[in-house]
Amino acid sequence: MTKLKIKSGDTVRVIAGDHKGSEGKVLTVLREKNKAIVEGVNMVSKHQKPSAQNPQGGIVKKEAPIQVSNLSLLTSKGETTRVGYRMEGDKKVRFSKKSNEVI
């Protein structure tokens, strides 16, 4: 399993695929599948039967996972960047390879 450089809570931009250019916050990361669920991106319609939690049933829109290789981290300035790791003292920190600032 590879090390994923995108974590929950990061703001990302989709750089490839049908949703190219969309931005959102990472809700969850599925490490086994190398995928992430991004808020408001890759929305799919799911037909749901009525249940106790959803007595109406019907068509529900929800986010589907998107491949991590299609995502790029956004810096505080709003530009995309790659992520690196380095040691600062005793801590390992993530940093932006474009601006060299700690994320």
PDB file of N, CA and C in Angstrom:
ATOM      1  N   MET A   1       0.845  -1.176   0.000  1.00  0.00           N
ATOM      2  CA  MET A   1       0.000   0.000   0.000  1.00  0.00           C
ATOM      3  C   MET A   1       0.891   1.241   0.000  1.00  0.00           C
ATOM      4  N   THR A   2       0.573   2.203  -0.848  1.00  0.00           N
ATOM      5  CA  THR A   2       1.399   3.397  -0.963  1.00  0.00           C
ATOM      6  C   THR A   2       0.990   4.453   0.050  1.00  0.00           C
ATOM      7  N   LYS A   3       1.902   5.364   0.317  1.00  0.00           N
ATOM      8  CA  LYS A   3       1.642   6.475   1.222  1.00  0.00           C
ATOM      9  C   LYS A   3       0.833   7.528   0.482  1.00  0.00           C
ATOM     10  N   LEU A   4      -0.337   7.865   0.998  1.00  0.00           N
ATOM     11  CA  LEU A   4      -1.165   8.898   0.385  1.00  0.00           C
ATOM     12  C   LEU A   4      -0.814  10.243   0.997  1.00  0.00           C
ATOM     13  N   LYS A   5      -0.688  11.247   0.156  1.00  0.00           N
ATOM     14  CA  LYS A   5      -0.275  12.558   0.643  1.00  0.00           C
ATOM     15  C   LYS A   5      -1.457  13.495   0.821  1.00  0.00           C
ATOM     16  N   ILE A   6      -2.660  12.983   0.595  1.00  0.00           N
ATOM     17  CA  ILE A   6      -3.879  13.763   0.799  1.00  0.00           C
ATOM     18  C   ILE A   6      -4.572  13.213   2.040  1.00  0.00           C
ATOM     19  N   LYS A   7      -4.996  14.113   2.919  1.00  0.00           N
ATOM     20  CA  LYS A   7      -5.612  13.699   4.179  1.00  0.00           C
ATOM     21  C   LYS A   7      -7.003  14.311   4.306  1.00  0.00           C
ATOM     22  N   SER A   8      -7.795  13.781   5.233  1.00  0.00           N
ATOM     23  CA  SER A   8      -9.122  14.334   5.498  1.00  0.00           C
ATOM     24  C   SER A   8      -8.979  15.778   5.955  1.00  0.00           C
ATOM     25  N   GLY A   9      -9.869  16.626   5.451  1.00  0.00           N
ATOM     26  CA  GLY A   9      -9.840  18.033   5.824  1.00  0.00           C
ATOM     27  C   GLY A   9      -9.064  18.914   4.864  1.00  0.00           C
ATOM     28  N   ASP A  10      -8.268  18.326   3.967  1.00  0.00           N
ATOM     29  CA  ASP A  10      -7.521  19.107   2.973  1.00  0.00           C
ATOM     30  C   ASP A  10      -8.474  19.671   1.925  1.00  0.00           C
ATOM     31  N   THR A  11      -8.130  20.819   1.378  1.00  0.00           N
ATOM     32  CA  THR A  11      -8.864  21.379   0.254  1.00  0.00           C
ATOM     33  C   THR A  11      -8.118  20.994  -1.012  1.00  0.00           C
ATOM     34  N   VAL A  12      -8.834  20.389  -1.962  1.00  0.00           N
ATOM     35  CA  VAL A  12      -8.201  19.866  -3.171  1.00  0.00           C
ATOM     36  C   VAL A  12      -8.920  20.365  -4.419  1.00  0.00           C
ATOM     37  N   ARG A  13      -8.224  20.249  -5.548  1.00  0.00           N
ATOM     38  CA  ARG A  13      -8.794  20.548  -6.868  1.00  0.00           C
ATOM     39  C   ARG A  13      -8.661  19.291  -7.718  1.00  0.00           C
ATOM     40  N   VAL A  14      -9.701  18.979  -8.491  1.00  0.00           N
ATOM     41  CA  VAL A  14      -9.657  17.834  -9.398  1.00  0.00           C
ATOM     42  C   VAL A  14      -8.888  18.270 -10.640  1.00  0.00           C
ATOM     43  N   ILE A  15      -7.844  17.500 -11.003  1.00  0.00           N
ATOM     44  CA  ILE A  15      -6.977  17.887 -12.117  1.00  0.00           C
ATOM     45  C   ILE A  15      -7.172  17.029 -13.351  1.00  0.00           C
ATOM     46  N   ALA A  16      -8.030  16.001 -13.266  1.00  0.00           N
ATOM     47  CA  ALA A  16      -8.270  15.133 -14.421  1.00  0.00           C
ATOM     48  C   ALA A  16      -9.650  14.501 -14.295  1.00  0.00           C
ATOM     49  N   GLY A  17     -10.223  14.155 -15.429  1.00  0.00           N
ATOM     50  CA  GLY A  17     -11.499  13.453 -15.434  1.00  0.00           C
ATOM     51  C   GLY A  17     -12.664  14.372 -15.719  1.00  0.00           C
ATOM     52  N   ASP A  18     -13.873  13.840 -15.524  1.00  0.00           N
ATOM     53  CA  ASP A  18     -15.095  14.568 -15.831  1.00  0.00           C
ATOM     54  C   ASP A  18     -15.281  15.812 -14.973  1.00  0.00           C
ATOM     55  N   HIS A  19     -14.781  15.803 -13.757  1.00  0.00           N
ATOM     56  CA  HIS A  19     -14.996  16.893 -12.810  1.00  0.00           C
ATOM     57  C   HIS A  19     -13.776  17.806 -12.705  1.00  0.00           C
ATOM     58  N   LYS A  20     -12.967  17.850 -13.753  1.00  0.00           N
ATOM     59  CA  LYS A  20     -11.738  18.650 -13.773  1.00  0.00           C
ATOM     60  C   LYS A  20     -12.050  20.113 -13.454  1.00  0.00           C
ATOM     61  N   GLY A  21     -11.278  20.687 -12.534  1.00  0.00           N
ATOM     62  CA  GLY A  21     -11.451  22.078 -12.153  1.00  0.00           C
ATOM     63  C   GLY A  21     -12.304  22.261 -10.908  1.00  0.00           C
ATOM     64  N   SER A  22     -13.032  21.230 -10.488  1.00  0.00           N
ATOM     65  CA  SER A  22     -13.860  21.326  -9.283  1.00  0.00           C
ATOM     66  C   SER A  22     -12.982  21.337  -8.045  1.00  0.00           C
ATOM     67  N   GLU A  23     -13.438  22.053  -7.022  1.00  0.00           N
ATOM     68  CA  GLU A  23     -12.699  22.119  -5.767  1.00  0.00           C
ATOM     69  C   GLU A  23     -13.612  21.703  -4.631  1.00  0.00           C
ATOM     70  N   GLY A  24     -13.013  21.176  -3.577  1.00  0.00           N
ATOM     71  CA  GLY A  24     -13.794  20.786  -2.411  1.00  0.00           C
ATOM     72  C   GLY A  24     -12.901  20.307  -1.295  1.00  0.00           C
ATOM     73  N   LYS A  25     -13.527  20.031  -0.169  1.00  0.00           N
ATOM     74  CA  LYS A  25     -12.829  19.561   1.021  1.00  0.00           C
ATOM     75  C   LYS A  25     -12.910  18.039   1.068  1.00  0.00           C
ATOM     76  N   VAL A  26     -11.813  17.390   1.417  1.00  0.00           N
ATOM     77  CA  VAL A  26     -11.776  15.930   1.500  1.00  0.00           C
ATOM     78  C   VAL A  26     -12.523  15.501   2.764  1.00  0.00           C
ATOM     79  N   LEU A  27     -13.564  14.676   2.582  1.00  0.00           N
ATOM     80  CA  LEU A  27     -14.338  14.180   3.719  1.00  0.00           C
ATOM     81  C   LEU A  27     -13.693  12.941   4.316  1.00  0.00           C
ATOM     82  N   THR A  28     -13.392  11.951   3.471  1.00  0.00           N
ATOM     83  CA  THR A  28     -12.732  10.732   3.929  1.00  0.00           C
ATOM     84  C   THR A  28     -11.759  10.248   2.870  1.00  0.00           C
ATOM     85  N   VAL A  29     -10.770   9.474   3.319  1.00  0.00           N
ATOM     86  CA  VAL A  29      -9.790   8.874   2.418  1.00  0.00           C
ATOM     87  C   VAL A  29      -9.891   7.366   2.574  1.00  0.00           C
ATOM     88  N   LEU A  30     -10.045   6.660   1.452  1.00  0.00           N
ATOM     89  CA  LEU A  30     -10.121   5.200   1.439  1.00  0.00           C
ATOM     90  C   LEU A  30      -8.754   4.674   1.026  1.00  0.00           C
ATOM     91  N   ARG A  31      -7.892   4.386   2.002  1.00  0.00           N
ATOM     92  CA  ARG A  31      -6.501   4.029   1.725  1.00  0.00           C
ATOM     93  C   ARG A  31      -6.362   2.740   0.945  1.00  0.00           C
ATOM     94  N   GLU A  32      -7.230   1.758   1.223  1.00  0.00           N
ATOM     95  CA  GLU A  32      -7.101   0.464   0.532  1.00  0.00           C
ATOM     96  C   GLU A  32      -7.369   0.591  -0.957  1.00  0.00           C
ATOM     97  N   LYS A  33      -8.234   1.529  -1.328  1.00  0.00           N
ATOM     98  CA  LYS A  33      -8.620   1.686  -2.730  1.00  0.00           C
ATOM     99  C   LYS A  33      -7.924   2.863  -3.408  1.00  0.00           C
ATOM    100  N   ASN A  34      -7.086   3.622  -2.689  1.00  0.00           N
ATOM    101  CA  ASN A  34      -6.429   4.833  -3.215  1.00  0.00           C
ATOM    102  C   ASN A  34      -7.453   5.832  -3.739  1.00  0.00           C
ATOM    103  N   LYS A  35      -8.526   6.020  -2.994  1.00  0.00           N
ATOM    104  CA  LYS A  35      -9.589   6.936  -3.395  1.00  0.00           C
ATOM    105  C   LYS A  35      -9.944   7.851  -2.234  1.00  0.00           C
ATOM    106  N   ALA A  36     -10.587   8.968  -2.577  1.00  0.00           N
ATOM    107  CA  ALA A  36     -11.035   9.919  -1.565  1.00  0.00           C
ATOM    108  C   ALA A  36     -12.436  10.385  -1.914  1.00  0.00           C
ATOM    109  N   ILE A  37     -13.192  10.775  -0.890  1.00  0.00           N
ATOM    110  CA  ILE A  37     -14.509  11.349  -1.101  1.00  0.00           C
ATOM    111  C   ILE A  37     -14.382  12.842  -0.851  1.00  0.00           C
ATOM    112  N   VAL A  38     -14.699  13.637  -1.894  1.00  0.00           N
ATOM    113  CA  VAL A  38     -14.552  15.087  -1.837  1.00  0.00           C
ATOM    114  C   VAL A  38     -15.933  15.711  -1.822  1.00  0.00           C
ATOM    115  N   GLU A  39     -16.126  16.669  -0.937  1.00  0.00           N
ATOM    116  CA  GLU A  39     -17.417  17.333  -0.750  1.00  0.00           C
ATOM    117  C   GLU A  39     -17.852  18.060  -2.023  1.00  0.00           C
ATOM    118  N   GLY A  40     -19.022  17.698  -2.556  1.00  0.00           N
ATOM    119  CA  GLY A  40     -19.595  18.360  -3.716  1.00  0.00           C
ATOM    120  C   GLY A  40     -19.031  17.951  -5.061  1.00  0.00           C
ATOM    121  N   VAL A  41     -18.131  16.967  -5.098  1.00  0.00           N
ATOM    122  CA  VAL A  41     -17.510  16.530  -6.353  1.00  0.00           C
ATOM    123  C   VAL A  41     -17.890  15.076  -6.609  1.00  0.00           C
ATOM    124  N   ASN A  42     -18.103  14.726  -7.883  1.00  0.00           N
ATOM    125  CA  ASN A  42     -18.441  13.363  -8.291  1.00  0.00           C
ATOM    126  C   ASN A  42     -19.748  12.898  -7.643  1.00  0.00           C
ATOM    127  N   MET A  43     -20.792  13.726  -7.775  1.00  0.00           N
ATOM    128  CA  MET A  43     -22.101  13.405  -7.206  1.00  0.00           C
ATOM    129  C   MET A  43     -22.797  12.345  -8.070  1.00  0.00           C
ATOM    130  N   VAL A  44     -23.382  11.346  -7.412  1.00  0.00           N
ATOM    131  CA  VAL A  44     -24.117  10.296  -8.099  1.00  0.00           C
ATOM    132  C   VAL A  44     -25.516  10.206  -7.504  1.00  0.00           C
ATOM    133  N   SER A  45     -26.457   9.696  -8.295  1.00  0.00           N
ATOM    134  CA  SER A  45     -27.822   9.500  -7.821  1.00  0.00           C
ATOM    135  C   SER A  45     -27.980   8.055  -7.382  1.00  0.00           C
ATOM    136  N   LYS A  46     -28.551   7.877  -6.190  1.00  0.00           N
ATOM    137  CA  LYS A  46     -28.748   6.538  -5.670  1.00  0.00           C
ATOM    138  C   LYS A  46     -30.228   6.371  -5.352  1.00  0.00           C
ATOM    139  N   HIS A  47     -30.827   5.301  -5.889  1.00  0.00           N
ATOM    140  CA  HIS A  47     -32.226   5.016  -5.605  1.00  0.00           C
ATOM    141  C   HIS A  47     -32.289   4.312  -4.257  1.00  0.00           C
ATOM    142  N   GLN A  48     -33.122   4.856  -3.341  1.00  0.00           N
ATOM    143  CA  GLN A  48     -33.166   4.311  -1.992  1.00  0.00           C
ATOM    144  C   GLN A  48     -34.594   3.902  -1.631  1.00  0.00           C
ATOM    145  N   LYS A  49     -34.706   2.706  -1.070  1.00  0.00           N
ATOM    146  CA  LYS A  49     -36.001   2.231  -0.612  1.00  0.00           C
ATOM    147  C   LYS A  49     -36.393   2.985   0.659  1.00  0.00           C
ATOM    148  N   PRO A  50     -37.666   3.142   0.914  1.00  0.00           N
ATOM    149  CA  PRO A  50     -38.086   3.760   2.177  1.00  0.00           C
ATOM    150  C   PRO A  50     -37.619   2.921   3.367  1.00  0.00           C
ATOM    151  N   SER A  51     -37.158   3.609   4.407  1.00  0.00           N
ATOM    152  CA  SER A  51     -36.707   2.930   5.626  1.00  0.00           C
ATOM    153  C   SER A  51     -37.128   3.768   6.825  1.00  0.00           C
ATOM    154  N   ALA A  52     -36.759   3.337   8.020  1.00  0.00           N
ATOM    155  CA  ALA A  52     -37.113   4.086   9.225  1.00  0.00           C
ATOM    156  C   ALA A  52     -36.411   5.448   9.247  1.00  0.00           C
ATOM    157  N   GLN A  53     -35.174   5.495   8.799  1.00  0.00           N
ATOM    158  CA  GLN A  53     -34.430   6.759   8.790  1.00  0.00           C
ATOM    159  C   GLN A  53     -34.869   7.660   7.648  1.00  0.00           C
ATOM    160  N   ASN A  54     -35.279   7.063   6.529  1.00  0.00           N
ATOM    161  CA  ASN A  54     -35.708   7.820   5.364  1.00  0.00           C
ATOM    162  C   ASN A  54     -37.064   7.272   4.907  1.00  0.00           C
ATOM    163  N   PRO A  55     -38.163   7.682   5.579  1.00  0.00           N
ATOM    164  CA  PRO A  55     -39.466   7.097   5.250  1.00  0.00           C
ATOM    165  C   PRO A  55     -39.968   7.438   3.851  1.00  0.00           C
ATOM    166  N   GLN A  56     -39.489   8.541   3.283  1.00  0.00           N
ATOM    167  CA  GLN A  56     -39.915   8.948   1.952  1.00  0.00           C
ATOM    168  C   GLN A  56     -39.285   8.069   0.868  1.00  0.00           C
ATOM    169  N   GLY A  57     -37.990   7.698   1.052  1.00  0.00           N
ATOM    170  CA  GLY A  57     -37.289   6.951   0.009  1.00  0.00           C
ATOM    171  C   GLY A  57     -36.994   7.864  -1.154  1.00  0.00           C
ATOM    172  N   GLY A  58     -36.813   7.313  -2.341  1.00  0.00           N
ATOM    173  CA  GLY A  58     -36.613   8.117  -3.536  1.00  0.00           C
ATOM    174  C   GLY A  58     -35.166   8.183  -3.976  1.00  0.00           C
ATOM    175  N   ILE A  59     -34.860   9.197  -4.775  1.00  0.00           N
ATOM    176  CA  ILE A  59     -33.515   9.355  -5.331  1.00  0.00           C
ATOM    177  C   ILE A  59     -32.712  10.286  -4.441  1.00  0.00           C
ATOM    178  N   VAL A  60     -31.550   9.817  -4.008  1.00  0.00           N
ATOM    179  CA  VAL A  60     -30.681  10.578  -3.117  1.00  0.00           C
ATOM    180  C   VAL A  60     -29.375  10.878  -3.841  1.00  0.00           C
ATOM    181  N   LYS A  61     -28.914  12.119  -3.756  1.00  0.00           N
ATOM    182  CA  LYS A  61     -27.611  12.493  -4.340  1.00  0.00           C
ATOM    183  C   LYS A  61     -26.551  12.346  -3.264  1.00  0.00           C
ATOM    184  N   LYS A  62     -25.422  11.720  -3.616  1.00  0.00           N
ATOM    185  CA  LYS A  62     -24.322  11.578  -2.668  1.00  0.00           C
ATOM    186  C   LYS A  62     -22.996  11.582  -3.409  1.00  0.00           C
ATOM    187  N   GLU A  63     -21.917  11.834  -2.675  1.00  0.00           N
ATOM    188  CA  GLU A  63     -20.582  11.868  -3.270  1.00  0.00           C
ATOM    189  C   GLU A  63     -20.059  10.451  -3.451  1.00  0.00           C
ATOM    190  N   ALA A  64     -19.423  10.214  -4.575  1.00  0.00           N
ATOM    191  CA  ALA A  64     -18.780   8.932  -4.839  1.00  0.00           C
ATOM    192  C   ALA A  64     -17.267   9.136  -4.722  1.00  0.00           C
ATOM    193  N   PRO A  65     -16.513   8.072  -4.437  1.00  0.00           N
ATOM    194  CA  PRO A  65     -15.059   8.206  -4.334  1.00  0.00           C
ATOM    195  C   PRO A  65     -14.432   8.595  -5.670  1.00  0.00           C
ATOM    196  N   ILE A  66     -13.334   9.324  -5.599  1.00  0.00           N
ATOM    197  CA  ILE A  66     -12.571   9.734  -6.776  1.00  0.00           C
ATOM    198  C   ILE A  66     -11.117   9.340  -6.548  1.00  0.00           C
ATOM    199  N   GLN A  67     -10.440   8.936  -7.604  1.00  0.00           N
ATOM    200  CA  GLN A  67      -9.056   8.470  -7.516  1.00  0.00           C
ATOM    201  C   GLN A  67      -8.148   9.585  -6.988  1.00  0.00           C
ATOM    202  N   VAL A  68      -7.272   9.259  -6.040  1.00  0.00           N
ATOM    203  CA  VAL A  68      -6.382  10.242  -5.429  1.00  0.00           C
ATOM    204  C   VAL A  68      -5.418  10.838  -6.454  1.00  0.00           C
ATOM    205  N   SER A  69      -5.051  10.075  -7.483  1.00  0.00           N
ATOM    206  CA  SER A  69      -4.136  10.596  -8.501  1.00  0.00           C
ATOM    207  C   SER A  69      -4.772  11.719  -9.316  1.00  0.00           C
ATOM    208  N   ASN A  70      -6.102  11.867  -9.260  1.00  0.00           N
ATOM    209  CA  ASN A  70      -6.794  12.931  -9.973  1.00  0.00           C
ATOM    210  C   ASN A  70      -6.981  14.177  -9.118  1.00  0.00           C
ATOM    211  N   LEU A  71      -6.410  14.190  -7.913  1.00  0.00           N
ATOM    212  CA  LEU A  71      -6.562  15.312  -6.997  1.00  0.00           C
ATOM    213  C   LEU A  71      -5.229  15.992  -6.762  1.00  0.00           C
ATOM    214  N   SER A  72      -5.269  17.306  -6.573  1.00  0.00           N
ATOM    215  CA  SER A  72      -4.072  18.076  -6.240  1.00  0.00           C
ATOM    216  C   SER A  72      -4.407  18.997  -5.079  1.00  0.00           C
ATOM    217  N   LEU A  73      -3.518  19.080  -4.120  1.00  0.00           N
ATOM    218  CA  LEU A  73      -3.722  19.891  -2.924  1.00  0.00           C
ATOM    219  C   LEU A  73      -3.678  21.370  -3.271  1.00  0.00           C
ATOM    220  N   LEU A  74      -4.547  22.160  -2.639  1.00  0.00           N
ATOM    221  CA  LEU A  74      -4.547  23.608  -2.821  1.00  0.00           C
ATOM    222  C   LEU A  74      -3.830  24.269  -1.651  1.00  0.00           C
ATOM    223  N   THR A  75      -3.001  25.262  -1.955  1.00  0.00           N
ATOM    224  CA  THR A  75      -2.315  26.020  -0.907  1.00  0.00           C
ATOM    225  C   THR A  75      -3.254  27.093  -0.376  1.00  0.00           C
ATOM    226  N   SER A  76      -2.790  27.840   0.610  1.00  0.00           N
ATOM    227  CA  SER A  76      -3.601  28.921   1.180  1.00  0.00           C
ATOM    228  C   SER A  76      -3.855  30.025   0.158  1.00  0.00           C
ATOM    229  N   LYS A  77      -2.994  30.128  -0.859  1.00  0.00           N
ATOM    230  CA  LYS A  77      -3.159  31.142  -1.907  1.00  0.00           C
ATOM    231  C   LYS A  77      -4.100  30.676  -3.010  1.00  0.00           C
ATOM    232  N   GLY A  78      -4.520  29.403  -2.985  1.00  0.00           N
ATOM    233  CA  GLY A  78      -5.452  28.882  -3.977  1.00  0.00           C
ATOM    234  C   GLY A  78      -4.790  28.265  -5.192  1.00  0.00           C
ATOM    235  N   GLU A  79      -3.495  27.981  -5.135  1.00  0.00           N
ATOM    236  CA  GLU A  79      -2.817  27.344  -6.264  1.00  0.00           C
ATOM    237  C   GLU A  79      -2.523  25.890  -5.923  1.00  0.00           C
ATOM    238  N   THR A  80      -2.478  25.038  -6.952  1.00  0.00           N
ATOM    239  CA  THR A  80      -2.224  23.623  -6.724  1.00  0.00           C
ATOM    240  C   THR A  80      -0.741  23.390  -6.485  1.00  0.00           C
ATOM    241  N   THR A  81      -0.441  22.346  -5.722  1.00  0.00           N
ATOM    242  CA  THR A  81       0.941  22.027  -5.406  1.00  0.00           C
ATOM    243  C   THR A  81       1.084  20.542  -5.131  1.00  0.00           C
ATOM    244  N   ARG A  82       2.305  20.070  -5.241  1.00  0.00           N
ATOM    245  CA  ARG A  82       2.599  18.704  -4.822  1.00  0.00           C
ATOM    246  C   ARG A  82       3.018  18.746  -3.353  1.00  0.00           C
ATOM    247  N   VAL A  83       2.955  17.589  -2.701  1.00  0.00           N
ATOM    248  CA  VAL A  83       3.225  17.510  -1.275  1.00  0.00           C
ATOM    249  C   VAL A  83       4.490  16.711  -1.037  1.00  0.00           C
ATOM    250  N   GLY A  84       5.321  17.194  -0.122  1.00  0.00           N
ATOM    251  CA  GLY A  84       6.516  16.477   0.283  1.00  0.00           C
ATOM    252  C   GLY A  84       6.547  16.353   1.797  1.00  0.00           C
ATOM    253  N   TYR A  85       7.464  15.546   2.291  1.00  0.00           N
ATOM    254  CA  TYR A  85       7.647  15.372   3.729  1.00  0.00           C
ATOM    255  C   TYR A  85       9.087  15.698   4.074  1.00  0.00           C
ATOM    256  N   ARG A  86       9.284  16.294   5.238  1.00  0.00           N
ATOM    257  CA  ARG A  86      10.633  16.564   5.731  1.00  0.00           C
ATOM    258  C   ARG A  86      10.604  16.564   7.254  1.00  0.00           C
ATOM    259  N   MET A  87      11.785  16.423   7.837  1.00  0.00           N
ATOM    260  CA  MET A  87      11.922  16.434   9.287  1.00  0.00           C
ATOM    261  C   MET A  87      12.239  17.853   9.745  1.00  0.00           C
ATOM    262  N   GLU A  88      11.517  18.327  10.739  1.00  0.00           N
ATOM    263  CA  GLU A  88      11.805  19.601  11.389  1.00  0.00           C
ATOM    264  C   GLU A  88      11.952  19.291  12.867  1.00  0.00           C
ATOM    265  N   GLY A  89      13.196  19.207  13.299  1.00  0.00           N
ATOM    266  CA  GLY A  89      13.456  18.781  14.667  1.00  0.00           C
ATOM    267  C   GLY A  89      13.150  17.300  14.801  1.00  0.00           C
ATOM    268  N   ASP A  90      12.219  16.976  15.683  1.00  0.00           N
ATOM    269  CA  ASP A  90      11.813  15.583  15.890  1.00  0.00           C
ATOM    270  C   ASP A  90      10.538  15.231  15.130  1.00  0.00           C
ATOM    271  N   LYS A  91       9.917  16.226  14.488  1.00  0.00           N
ATOM    272  CA  LYS A  91       8.632  16.001  13.829  1.00  0.00           C
ATOM    273  C   LYS A  91       8.777  15.873  12.322  1.00  0.00           C
ATOM    274  N   LYS A  92       7.949  15.011  11.741  1.00  0.00           N
ATOM    275  CA  LYS A  92       7.848  14.893  10.284  1.00  0.00           C
ATOM    276  C   LYS A  92       6.668  15.751   9.850  1.00  0.00           C
ATOM    277  N   VAL A  93       6.903  16.703   8.950  1.00  0.00           N
ATOM    278  CA  VAL A  93       5.853  17.633   8.533  1.00  0.00           C
ATOM    279  C   VAL A  93       5.644  17.556   7.028  1.00  0.00           C
ATOM    280  N   ARG A  94       4.425  17.891   6.605  1.00  0.00           N
ATOM    281  CA  ARG A  94       4.122  17.996   5.179  1.00  0.00           C
ATOM    282  C   ARG A  94       4.430  19.413   4.732  1.00  0.00           C
ATOM    283  N   PHE A  95       4.942  19.546   3.503  1.00  0.00           N
ATOM    284  CA  PHE A  95       5.214  20.878   2.985  1.00  0.00           C
ATOM    285  C   PHE A  95       4.859  20.955   1.516  1.00  0.00           C
ATOM    286  N   SER A  96       4.586  22.172   1.075  1.00  0.00           N
ATOM    287  CA  SER A  96       4.253  22.444  -0.317  1.00  0.00           C
ATOM    288  C   SER A  96       5.539  22.515  -1.116  1.00  0.00           C
ATOM    289  N   LYS A  97       5.635  21.739  -2.183  1.00  0.00           N
ATOM    290  CA  LYS A  97       6.853  21.744  -2.993  1.00  0.00           C
ATOM    291  C   LYS A  97       6.961  23.004  -3.843  1.00  0.00           C
ATOM    292  N   LYS A  98       5.840  23.694  -4.077  1.00  0.00           N
ATOM    293  CA  LYS A  98       5.871  24.916  -4.883  1.00  0.00           C
ATOM    294  C   LYS A  98       6.359  26.109  -4.061  1.00  0.00           C
ATOM    295  N   SER A  99       5.812  26.280  -2.844  1.00  0.00           N
ATOM    296  CA  SER A  99       6.169  27.446  -2.041  1.00  0.00           C
ATOM    297  C   SER A  99       7.071  27.112  -0.863  1.00  0.00           C
ATOM    298  N   ASN A 100       7.313  25.827  -0.627  1.00  0.00           N
ATOM    299  CA  ASN A 100       8.196  25.344   0.445  1.00  0.00           C
ATOM    300  C   ASN A 100       7.666  25.692   1.841  1.00  0.00           C
ATOM    301  N   GLU A 101       6.360  25.965   1.988  1.00  0.00           N
ATOM    302  CA  GLU A 101       5.790  26.270   3.283  1.00  0.00           C
ATOM    303  C   GLU A 101       5.143  25.028   3.893  1.00  0.00           C
ATOM    304  N   VAL A 102       5.137  24.962   5.221  1.00  0.00           N
ATOM    305  CA  VAL A 102       4.577  23.817   5.935  1.00  0.00           C
ATOM    306  C   VAL A 102       3.059  23.868   5.837  1.00  0.00           C
ATOM    307  N   ILE A 103       2.457  22.714   5.552  1.00  0.00           N
ATOM    308  CA  ILE A 103       0.994  22.617   5.420  1.00  0.00           C
ATOM    309  C   ILE A 103       0.408  22.241   6.779  1.00  0.00           C
TER     310      ILE A 103
END
